[in-house]
Amino acid sequence: MTAILSNITLESGKNPQYSIIWLHGLGADGQDFVPMVDELNLPVAIRYIFPHAPRRPVTINGGFVMRAWYDILEPFDPSSMLRTGIAAQQDEAGIYASQTAIEALIEQEVARGIAPEHIFLAGFSQGGAVALHTGLRQRVPLCGLLILSAYLPLAEAAQTEASSSSRKTPIFMAHGRNDPVVPCALGVASRENLQSLGYTVAWHDYPMQHSLNDKELRDIEAWLSSRIEEQLMNPSVRNRSLGSVVSWECPCGMNPKDDSLVN
């Protein structure tokens, strides 16, 4: 059984029926996005889970040990990016290990009585890449994927590994047009890749670098609210019983901290 990642768990109200699992970027920790609990005004009580990535050496940062969802082996190569939409070398083992860890958190929420359709995966930068990678491989659609200043890792593998049911999971992607860490062009290439696979992607870009701004926060709030309200209007999801929930199967001005050259 996969051990549950250490995390910060907060609830915005009593008896939450929705959960957001929010992944931080490289070199940060779960505390990075805790302010979101007070920033976002959503129509229902939410359980927020902010896991801490394991500590590991990061090659591009000289082997320095930091919290990371996977190793970064090399900078993004623009020429490679234009050909494939990805960096040439990726830490496949690390990415899949993080997928397994996040799926354990999803399974925990399901065991608590939260329907998979009421669970969001969110993440910034490297955390957004892991959230996206994981969300595409779920056999039961999630409520949504919130992908901030990130990209689609292992894009070629996604063509065969993405589940057919995950195409029902809507995706919000946001990126800074002047991002020097994860180029906006990589976000655009990821969006186009996802759309070619049949995903619905709400794209937003902003005049900023590798960060978040107030307009993005309000867009996030509006998108999350619309997804929740849509679910509340769907009786088959709203009235889902705990017995049906536990049948889920695991398939296996804020500036977020960024201590890395590439996140």
C-alpha atoms as a PDB file:
ATOM      1  CA  MET A   1       0.000   0.000   0.000  1.00  0.00           C
ATOM      2  CA  THR A   2       1.334   3.431  -0.939  1.00  0.00           C
ATOM      3  CA  ALA A   3       2.127   5.644   2.042  1.00  0.00           C
ATOM      4  CA  ILE A   4       0.203   8.920   2.187  1.00  0.00           C
ATOM      5  CA  LEU A   5       2.376  11.954   1.552  1.00  0.00           C
ATOM      6  CA  SER A   6       2.755  14.337   4.458  1.00  0.00           C
ATOM      7  CA  ASN A   7       0.414  17.231   3.810  1.00  0.00           C
ATOM      8  CA  ILE A   8      -1.472  20.217   5.115  1.00  0.00           C
ATOM      9  CA  THR A   9      -5.237  19.641   5.168  1.00  0.00           C
ATOM     10  CA  LEU A  10      -7.671  22.502   5.704  1.00  0.00           C
ATOM     11  CA  GLU A  11     -11.443  22.701   5.379  1.00  0.00           C
ATOM     12  CA  SER A  12     -13.280  25.874   4.430  1.00  0.00           C
ATOM     13  CA  GLY A  13     -16.485  24.740   6.171  1.00  0.00           C
ATOM     14  CA  LYS A  14     -18.247  21.836   7.834  1.00  0.00           C
ATOM     15  CA  ASN A  15     -18.754  18.475   6.111  1.00  0.00           C
ATOM     16  CA  PRO A  16     -17.038  19.258   2.805  1.00  0.00           C
ATOM     17  CA  GLN A  17     -18.204  17.214  -0.168  1.00  0.00           C
ATOM     18  CA  TYR A  18     -15.524  18.518  -2.527  1.00  0.00           C
ATOM     19  CA  SER A  19     -11.756  18.196  -2.314  1.00  0.00           C
ATOM     20  CA  ILE A  20      -8.925  20.018  -4.056  1.00  0.00           C
ATOM     21  CA  ILE A  21      -5.513  18.321  -4.021  1.00  0.00           C
ATOM     22  CA  TRP A  22      -3.069  21.142  -4.769  1.00  0.00           C
ATOM     23  CA  LEU A  23       0.568  20.430  -5.722  1.00  0.00           C
ATOM     24  CA  HIS A  24       3.349  22.968  -5.230  1.00  0.00           C
ATOM     25  CA  GLY A  25       6.268  23.691  -7.548  1.00  0.00           C
ATOM     26  CA  LEU A  26       9.881  22.582  -7.390  1.00  0.00           C
ATOM     27  CA  GLY A  27      11.732  23.673  -4.255  1.00  0.00           C
ATOM     28  CA  ALA A  28       8.585  24.790  -2.436  1.00  0.00           C
ATOM     29  CA  ASP A  29       6.314  22.801  -0.105  1.00  0.00           C
ATOM     30  CA  GLY A  30       2.631  22.388   0.656  1.00  0.00           C
ATOM     31  CA  GLN A  31       2.535  25.651   2.572  1.00  0.00           C
ATOM     32  CA  ASP A  32       3.041  27.573  -0.688  1.00  0.00           C
ATOM     33  CA  PHE A  33      -0.619  27.532  -1.704  1.00  0.00           C
ATOM     34  CA  VAL A  34      -2.304  27.516   1.712  1.00  0.00           C
ATOM     35  CA  PRO A  35      -3.296  31.197   1.202  1.00  0.00           C
ATOM     36  CA  MET A  36      -5.661  29.983  -1.536  1.00  0.00           C
ATOM     37  CA  VAL A  37      -8.064  28.791   1.156  1.00  0.00           C
ATOM     38  CA  ASP A  38      -8.843  32.414   2.048  1.00  0.00           C
ATOM     39  CA  GLU A  39      -8.379  33.797  -1.479  1.00  0.00           C
ATOM     40  CA  LEU A  40     -11.049  31.655  -3.152  1.00  0.00           C
ATOM     41  CA  ASN A  41     -14.740  32.241  -2.460  1.00  0.00           C
ATOM     42  CA  LEU A  42     -16.429  29.019  -3.585  1.00  0.00           C
ATOM     43  CA  PRO A  43     -20.106  28.038  -3.266  1.00  0.00           C
ATOM     44  CA  VAL A  44     -19.563  24.981  -1.050  1.00  0.00           C
ATOM     45  CA  ALA A  45     -17.246  23.808   1.717  1.00  0.00           C
ATOM     46  CA  ILE A  46     -13.966  22.488   0.337  1.00  0.00           C
ATOM     47  CA  ARG A  47     -11.333  20.196   1.795  1.00  0.00           C
ATOM     48  CA  TYR A  48      -7.951  21.472   0.600  1.00  0.00           C
ATOM     49  CA  ILE A  49      -5.015  19.074   0.638  1.00  0.00           C
ATOM     50  CA  PHE A  50      -1.545  20.505   0.110  1.00  0.00           C
ATOM     51  CA  PRO A  51       0.944  17.609  -0.039  1.00  0.00           C
ATOM     52  CA  HIS A  52       4.692  18.006   0.393  1.00  0.00           C
ATOM     53  CA  ALA A  53       6.768  16.482  -2.416  1.00  0.00           C
ATOM     54  CA  PRO A  54       9.578  14.132  -1.324  1.00  0.00           C
ATOM     55  CA  ARG A  55      13.092  15.531  -1.097  1.00  0.00           C
ATOM     56  CA  ARG A  56      15.419  14.389  -3.868  1.00  0.00           C
ATOM     57  CA  PRO A  57      18.521  15.549  -5.760  1.00  0.00           C
ATOM     58  CA  VAL A  58      17.671  17.695  -8.774  1.00  0.00           C
ATOM     59  CA  THR A  59      20.147  17.294 -11.611  1.00  0.00           C
ATOM     60  CA  ILE A  60      19.682  20.690 -13.229  1.00  0.00           C
ATOM     61  CA  ASN A  61      20.353  22.356  -9.875  1.00  0.00           C
ATOM     62  CA  GLY A  62      23.694  20.616  -9.425  1.00  0.00           C
ATOM     63  CA  GLY A  63      22.233  17.672  -7.550  1.00  0.00           C
ATOM     64  CA  PHE A  64      21.008  19.917  -4.736  1.00  0.00           C
ATOM     65  CA  VAL A  65      18.435  18.104  -2.600  1.00  0.00           C
ATOM     66  CA  MET A  66      15.040  19.813  -2.525  1.00  0.00           C
ATOM     67  CA  ARG A  67      11.378  18.961  -2.595  1.00  0.00           C
ATOM     68  CA  ALA A  68      10.586  17.795  -6.117  1.00  0.00           C
ATOM     69  CA  TRP A  69       7.907  15.688  -7.748  1.00  0.00           C
ATOM     70  CA  TYR A  70      10.520  14.348 -10.175  1.00  0.00           C
ATOM     71  CA  ASP A  71      14.046  15.111 -11.302  1.00  0.00           C
ATOM     72  CA  ILE A  72      14.719  17.788 -13.911  1.00  0.00           C
ATOM     73  CA  LEU A  73      17.467  16.414 -16.139  1.00  0.00           C
ATOM     74  CA  GLU A  74      18.025  19.330 -18.513  1.00  0.00           C
ATOM     75  CA  PRO A  75      16.653  22.759 -19.458  1.00  0.00           C
ATOM     76  CA  PHE A  76      13.821  23.011 -21.923  1.00  0.00           C
ATOM     77  CA  ASP A  77      15.327  23.031 -25.419  1.00  0.00           C
ATOM     78  CA  PRO A  78      13.276  25.318 -27.667  1.00  0.00           C
ATOM     79  CA  SER A  79      14.150  23.314 -30.787  1.00  0.00           C
ATOM     80  CA  SER A  80      13.114  20.059 -29.122  1.00  0.00           C
ATOM     81  CA  MET A  81      10.016  21.735 -27.772  1.00  0.00           C
ATOM     82  CA  LEU A  82       8.929  22.782 -31.239  1.00  0.00           C
ATOM     83  CA  ARG A  83       9.391  19.235 -32.514  1.00  0.00           C
ATOM     84  CA  THR A  84       7.819  17.305 -29.649  1.00  0.00           C
ATOM     85  CA  GLY A  85       6.267  19.794 -27.231  1.00  0.00           C
ATOM     86  CA  ILE A  86       8.428  18.379 -24.417  1.00  0.00           C
ATOM     87  CA  ALA A  87      11.955  18.429 -23.078  1.00  0.00           C
ATOM     88  CA  ALA A  88      14.181  15.815 -24.687  1.00  0.00           C
ATOM     89  CA  GLN A  89      14.893  13.879 -21.476  1.00  0.00           C
ATOM     90  CA  GLN A  90      12.363  13.346 -18.713  1.00  0.00           C
ATOM     91  CA  ASP A  91      12.430  11.483 -15.401  1.00  0.00           C
ATOM     92  CA  GLU A  92       9.810   8.892 -16.249  1.00  0.00           C
ATOM     93  CA  ALA A  93      10.312   6.869 -13.060  1.00  0.00           C
ATOM     94  CA  GLY A  94       9.937   9.965 -10.898  1.00  0.00           C
ATOM     95  CA  ILE A  95       6.818  11.131 -12.736  1.00  0.00           C
ATOM     96  CA  TYR A  96       5.104   7.749 -12.410  1.00  0.00           C
ATOM     97  CA  ALA A  97       6.093   7.495  -8.734  1.00  0.00           C
ATOM     98  CA  SER A  98       4.467  10.869  -8.086  1.00  0.00           C
ATOM     99  CA  GLN A  99       1.371   9.711  -9.962  1.00  0.00           C
ATOM    100  CA  THR A 100       1.111   6.757  -7.580  1.00  0.00           C
ATOM    101  CA  ALA A 101       1.510   9.051  -4.569  1.00  0.00           C
ATOM    102  CA  ILE A 102      -1.218  11.417  -5.769  1.00  0.00           C
ATOM    103  CA  GLU A 103      -3.537   8.526  -6.553  1.00  0.00           C
ATOM    104  CA  ALA A 104      -3.159   7.427  -2.921  1.00  0.00           C
ATOM    105  CA  LEU A 105      -4.456  10.858  -1.893  1.00  0.00           C
ATOM    106  CA  ILE A 106      -7.390  10.500  -4.302  1.00  0.00           C
ATOM    107  CA  GLU A 107      -8.129   7.070  -2.866  1.00  0.00           C
ATOM    108  CA  GLN A 108      -8.028   8.523   0.644  1.00  0.00           C
ATOM    109  CA  GLU A 109     -10.622  11.141  -0.307  1.00  0.00           C
ATOM    110  CA  VAL A 110     -12.847   8.518  -1.883  1.00  0.00           C
ATOM    111  CA  ALA A 111     -12.618   6.457   1.322  1.00  0.00           C
ATOM    112  CA  ARG A 112     -13.733   9.573   3.214  1.00  0.00           C
ATOM    113  CA  GLY A 113     -16.880   9.674   1.096  1.00  0.00           C
ATOM    114  CA  ILE A 114     -15.895  12.215  -1.565  1.00  0.00           C
ATOM    115  CA  ALA A 115     -17.033  11.110  -5.020  1.00  0.00           C
ATOM    116  CA  PRO A 116     -14.237  11.141  -7.632  1.00  0.00           C
ATOM    117  CA  GLU A 117     -16.412  13.564  -9.608  1.00  0.00           C
ATOM    118  CA  HIS A 118     -16.046  15.975  -6.665  1.00  0.00           C
ATOM    119  CA  ILE A 119     -12.252  15.915  -6.610  1.00  0.00           C
ATOM    120  CA  PHE A 120     -10.047  18.485  -8.316  1.00  0.00           C
ATOM    121  CA  LEU A 121      -6.342  18.072  -8.992  1.00  0.00           C
ATOM    122  CA  ALA A 122      -4.466  21.358  -9.089  1.00  0.00           C
ATOM    123  CA  GLY A 123      -0.829  22.268  -9.383  1.00  0.00           C
ATOM    124  CA  PHE A 124       1.673  24.979 -10.162  1.00  0.00           C
ATOM    125  CA  SER A 125       4.656  24.404 -12.478  1.00  0.00           C
ATOM    126  CA  GLN A 126       6.147  20.964 -11.751  1.00  0.00           C
ATOM    127  CA  GLY A 127       3.166  20.250  -9.523  1.00  0.00           C
ATOM    128  CA  GLY A 128       0.854  21.176 -12.386  1.00  0.00           C
ATOM    129  CA  ALA A 129       2.695  18.765 -14.679  1.00  0.00           C
ATOM    130  CA  VAL A 130       2.138  15.925 -12.195  1.00  0.00           C
ATOM    131  CA  ALA A 131      -1.509  16.890 -11.665  1.00  0.00           C
ATOM    132  CA  LEU A 132      -2.080  16.839 -15.428  1.00  0.00           C
ATOM    133  CA  HIS A 133      -0.198  13.574 -15.941  1.00  0.00           C
ATOM    134  CA  THR A 134      -2.176  11.908 -13.142  1.00  0.00           C
ATOM    135  CA  GLY A 135      -5.570  13.282 -14.110  1.00  0.00           C
ATOM    136  CA  LEU A 136      -5.343  11.937 -17.655  1.00  0.00           C
ATOM    137  CA  ARG A 137      -4.872   8.401 -16.343  1.00  0.00           C
ATOM    138  CA  GLN A 138      -7.900   8.161 -14.038  1.00  0.00           C
ATOM    139  CA  ARG A 139     -10.550   5.569 -14.878  1.00  0.00           C
ATOM    140  CA  VAL A 140     -13.271   7.698 -13.285  1.00  0.00           C
ATOM    141  CA  PRO A 141     -13.549  11.336 -14.400  1.00  0.00           C
ATOM    142  CA  LEU A 142     -12.528  13.919 -11.818  1.00  0.00           C
ATOM    143  CA  CYS A 143     -14.290  17.256 -11.319  1.00  0.00           C
ATOM    144  CA  GLY A 144     -11.476  19.097 -13.057  1.00  0.00           C
ATOM    145  CA  LEU A 145      -7.758  19.695 -13.511  1.00  0.00           C
ATOM    146  CA  LEU A 146      -6.323  23.101 -12.617  1.00  0.00           C
ATOM    147  CA  ILE A 147      -2.947  23.438 -14.362  1.00  0.00           C
ATOM    148  CA  LEU A 148      -0.957  26.607 -13.672  1.00  0.00           C
ATOM    149  CA  SER A 149       2.270  27.592 -15.457  1.00  0.00           C
ATOM    150  CA  ALA A 150       2.863  23.959 -16.347  1.00  0.00           C
ATOM    151  CA  TYR A 151       3.034  21.553 -19.273  1.00  0.00           C
ATOM    152  CA  LEU A 152       2.142  18.014 -20.322  1.00  0.00           C
ATOM    153  CA  PRO A 153       4.977  15.643 -19.378  1.00  0.00           C
ATOM    154  CA  LEU A 154       5.530  12.352 -21.228  1.00  0.00           C
ATOM    155  CA  ALA A 155       3.299  13.681 -23.990  1.00  0.00           C
ATOM    156  CA  GLU A 156       3.895  10.730 -26.300  1.00  0.00           C
ATOM    157  CA  ALA A 157       2.944   8.230 -23.588  1.00  0.00           C
ATOM    158  CA  ALA A 158      -0.277  10.138 -22.931  1.00  0.00           C
ATOM    159  CA  GLN A 159      -1.495   9.199 -26.393  1.00  0.00           C
ATOM    160  CA  THR A 160      -1.834   5.568 -25.319  1.00  0.00           C
ATOM    161  CA  GLU A 161      -2.084   5.850 -21.519  1.00  0.00           C
ATOM    162  CA  ALA A 162      -4.779   8.521 -21.181  1.00  0.00           C
ATOM    163  CA  SER A 163      -8.045   6.834 -20.240  1.00  0.00           C
ATOM    164  CA  SER A 164     -11.122   7.282 -22.402  1.00  0.00           C
ATOM    165  CA  SER A 165     -13.190   8.336 -19.373  1.00  0.00           C
ATOM    166  CA  SER A 166     -10.718  11.073 -18.459  1.00  0.00           C
ATOM    167  CA  ARG A 167     -11.737  12.932 -21.634  1.00  0.00           C
ATOM    168  CA  LYS A 168     -14.800  13.975 -19.624  1.00  0.00           C
ATOM    169  CA  THR A 169     -12.616  15.823 -17.123  1.00  0.00           C
ATOM    170  CA  PRO A 170     -12.406  19.538 -18.006  1.00  0.00           C
ATOM    171  CA  ILE A 171      -9.035  21.259 -17.798  1.00  0.00           C
ATOM    172  CA  PHE A 172      -8.179  24.832 -16.839  1.00  0.00           C
ATOM    173  CA  MET A 173      -4.737  25.944 -18.011  1.00  0.00           C
ATOM    174  CA  ALA A 174      -3.149  29.289 -17.197  1.00  0.00           C
ATOM    175  CA  HIS A 175       0.280  30.657 -18.106  1.00  0.00           C
ATOM    176  CA  GLY A 176       2.339  33.821 -17.978  1.00  0.00           C
ATOM    177  CA  ARG A 177       3.190  35.108 -21.438  1.00  0.00           C
ATOM    178  CA  ASN A 178       6.671  36.105 -20.255  1.00  0.00           C
ATOM    179  CA  ASP A 179       7.412  32.968 -18.233  1.00  0.00           C
ATOM    180  CA  PRO A 180      11.208  32.388 -18.274  1.00  0.00           C
ATOM    181  CA  VAL A 181      11.010  29.064 -16.395  1.00  0.00           C
ATOM    182  CA  VAL A 182       8.318  27.120 -18.265  1.00  0.00           C
ATOM    183  CA  PRO A 183       7.979  28.968 -21.610  1.00  0.00           C
ATOM    184  CA  CYS A 184       4.452  29.925 -22.538  1.00  0.00           C
ATOM    185  CA  ALA A 185       5.027  28.211 -25.902  1.00  0.00           C
ATOM    186  CA  LEU A 186       5.352  24.919 -24.029  1.00  0.00           C
ATOM    187  CA  GLY A 187       2.029  25.529 -22.332  1.00  0.00           C
ATOM    188  CA  VAL A 188       0.426  26.296 -25.694  1.00  0.00           C
ATOM    189  CA  ALA A 189       1.923  23.137 -27.235  1.00  0.00           C
ATOM    190  CA  SER A 190       0.564  21.133 -24.300  1.00  0.00           C
ATOM    191  CA  ARG A 191      -2.888  22.644 -24.722  1.00  0.00           C
ATOM    192  CA  GLU A 192      -2.912  21.769 -28.415  1.00  0.00           C
ATOM    193  CA  ASN A 193      -1.751  18.243 -27.636  1.00  0.00           C
ATOM    194  CA  LEU A 194      -4.572  17.810 -25.113  1.00  0.00           C
ATOM    195  CA  GLN A 195      -7.156  19.165 -27.529  1.00  0.00           C
ATOM    196  CA  SER A 196      -5.968  16.754 -30.209  1.00  0.00           C
ATOM    197  CA  LEU A 197      -6.607  13.935 -27.721  1.00  0.00           C
ATOM    198  CA  GLY A 198     -10.181  15.102 -27.197  1.00  0.00           C
ATOM    199  CA  TYR A 199      -9.905  17.104 -23.965  1.00  0.00           C
ATOM    200  CA  THR A 200     -11.789  20.315 -23.279  1.00  0.00           C
ATOM    201  CA  VAL A 201      -9.276  22.966 -22.235  1.00  0.00           C
ATOM    202  CA  ALA A 202     -10.068  26.439 -20.924  1.00  0.00           C
ATOM    203  CA  TRP A 203      -6.921  28.443 -21.715  1.00  0.00           C
ATOM    204  CA  HIS A 204      -5.899  31.704 -20.032  1.00  0.00           C
ATOM    205  CA  ASP A 205      -2.676  33.673 -20.388  1.00  0.00           C
ATOM    206  CA  TYR A 206      -1.553  36.790 -18.579  1.00  0.00           C
ATOM    207  CA  PRO A 207       1.115  39.523 -18.850  1.00  0.00           C
ATOM    208  CA  MET A 208       3.359  38.036 -16.147  1.00  0.00           C
ATOM    209  CA  GLN A 209       6.274  35.692 -15.613  1.00  0.00           C
ATOM    210  CA  HIS A 210       6.363  32.431 -13.582  1.00  0.00           C
ATOM    211  CA  SER A 211       3.774  33.508 -11.054  1.00  0.00           C
ATOM    212  CA  LEU A 212       0.096  34.155 -10.355  1.00  0.00           C
ATOM    213  CA  ASN A 213      -1.767  37.451 -10.445  1.00  0.00           C
ATOM    214  CA  ASP A 214      -5.113  38.673  -9.172  1.00  0.00           C
ATOM    215  CA  LYS A 215      -6.862  38.281 -12.533  1.00  0.00           C
ATOM    216  CA  GLU A 216      -5.753  34.647 -12.644  1.00  0.00           C
ATOM    217  CA  LEU A 217      -7.044  34.072  -9.106  1.00  0.00           C
ATOM    218  CA  ARG A 218     -10.440  35.441 -10.066  1.00  0.00           C
ATOM    219  CA  ASP A 219     -10.498  33.275 -13.214  1.00  0.00           C
ATOM    220  CA  ILE A 220      -9.616  30.227 -11.109  1.00  0.00           C
ATOM    221  CA  GLU A 221     -12.391  31.091  -8.666  1.00  0.00           C
ATOM    222  CA  ALA A 222     -14.936  31.491 -11.467  1.00  0.00           C
ATOM    223  CA  TRP A 223     -13.947  28.226 -13.144  1.00  0.00           C
ATOM    224  CA  LEU A 224     -14.011  26.200  -9.922  1.00  0.00           C
ATOM    225  CA  SER A 225     -17.373  27.715  -8.995  1.00  0.00           C
ATOM    226  CA  SER A 226     -18.857  26.898 -12.390  1.00  0.00           C
ATOM    227  CA  ARG A 227     -17.667  23.296 -12.173  1.00  0.00           C
ATOM    228  CA  ILE A 228     -19.124  22.878  -8.679  1.00  0.00           C
ATOM    229  CA  GLU A 229     -22.424  24.484  -9.624  1.00  0.00           C
ATOM    230  CA  GLU A 230     -22.650  22.235 -12.670  1.00  0.00           C
ATOM    231  CA  GLN A 231     -22.131  19.208 -10.426  1.00  0.00           C
ATOM    232  CA  LEU A 232     -24.756  20.431  -7.958  1.00  0.00           C
ATOM    233  CA  MET A 233     -27.253  20.562 -10.815  1.00  0.00           C
ATOM    234  CA  ASN A 234     -26.529  16.903 -11.665  1.00  0.00           C
ATOM    235  CA  PRO A 235     -28.555  14.690  -9.282  1.00  0.00           C
ATOM    236  CA  SER A 236     -26.698  11.500 -10.267  1.00  0.00           C
ATOM    237  CA  VAL A 237     -23.474  13.013  -8.955  1.00  0.00           C
ATOM    238  CA  ARG A 238     -24.948  15.093  -6.124  1.00  0.00           C
ATOM    239  CA  ASN A 239     -26.711  12.076  -4.622  1.00  0.00           C
ATOM    240  CA  ARG A 240     -23.917   9.592  -5.148  1.00  0.00           C
ATOM    241  CA  SER A 241     -23.846   7.257  -2.169  1.00  0.00           C
ATOM    242  CA  LEU A 242     -20.778   6.190  -0.245  1.00  0.00           C
ATOM    243  CA  GLY A 243     -21.360   2.616  -1.410  1.00  0.00           C
ATOM    244  CA  SER A 244     -20.888   3.622  -5.039  1.00  0.00           C
ATOM    245  CA  VAL A 245     -17.982   5.901  -4.241  1.00  0.00           C
ATOM    246  CA  VAL A 246     -15.767   3.237  -2.711  1.00  0.00           C
ATOM    247  CA  SER A 247     -15.890   1.176  -5.909  1.00  0.00           C
ATOM    248  CA  TRP A 248     -13.381   3.593  -7.444  1.00  0.00           C
ATOM    249  CA  GLU A 249     -10.213   1.830  -8.565  1.00  0.00           C
ATOM    250  CA  CYS A 250      -6.742   3.353  -8.507  1.00  0.00           C
ATOM    251  CA  PRO A 251      -5.137   2.729 -11.923  1.00  0.00           C
ATOM    252  CA  CYS A 252      -1.759   2.134 -10.743  1.00  0.00           C
ATOM    253  CA  GLY A 253      -0.407  38.645  -5.557  1.00  0.00           C
ATOM    254  CA  MET A 254       1.020  35.388  -4.792  1.00  0.00           C
ATOM    255  CA  ASN A 255       4.424  34.412  -6.100  1.00  0.00           C
ATOM    256  CA  PRO A 256       4.835  30.677  -5.565  1.00  0.00           C
ATOM    257  CA  LYS A 257       8.265  29.833  -4.269  1.00  0.00           C
ATOM    258  CA  ASP A 258      10.644  28.741  -7.004  1.00  0.00           C
ATOM    259  CA  ASP A 259      14.186  27.896  -5.977  1.00  0.00           C
ATOM    260  CA  SER A 260      14.932  26.264  -9.309  1.00  0.00           C
ATOM    261  CA  LEU A 261      16.214  27.112 -12.721  1.00  0.00           C
ATOM    262  CA  VAL A 262      13.546  24.950 -14.297  1.00  0.00           C
ATOM    263  CA  ASN A 263      10.372  23.985 -12.474  1.00  0.00           C
END
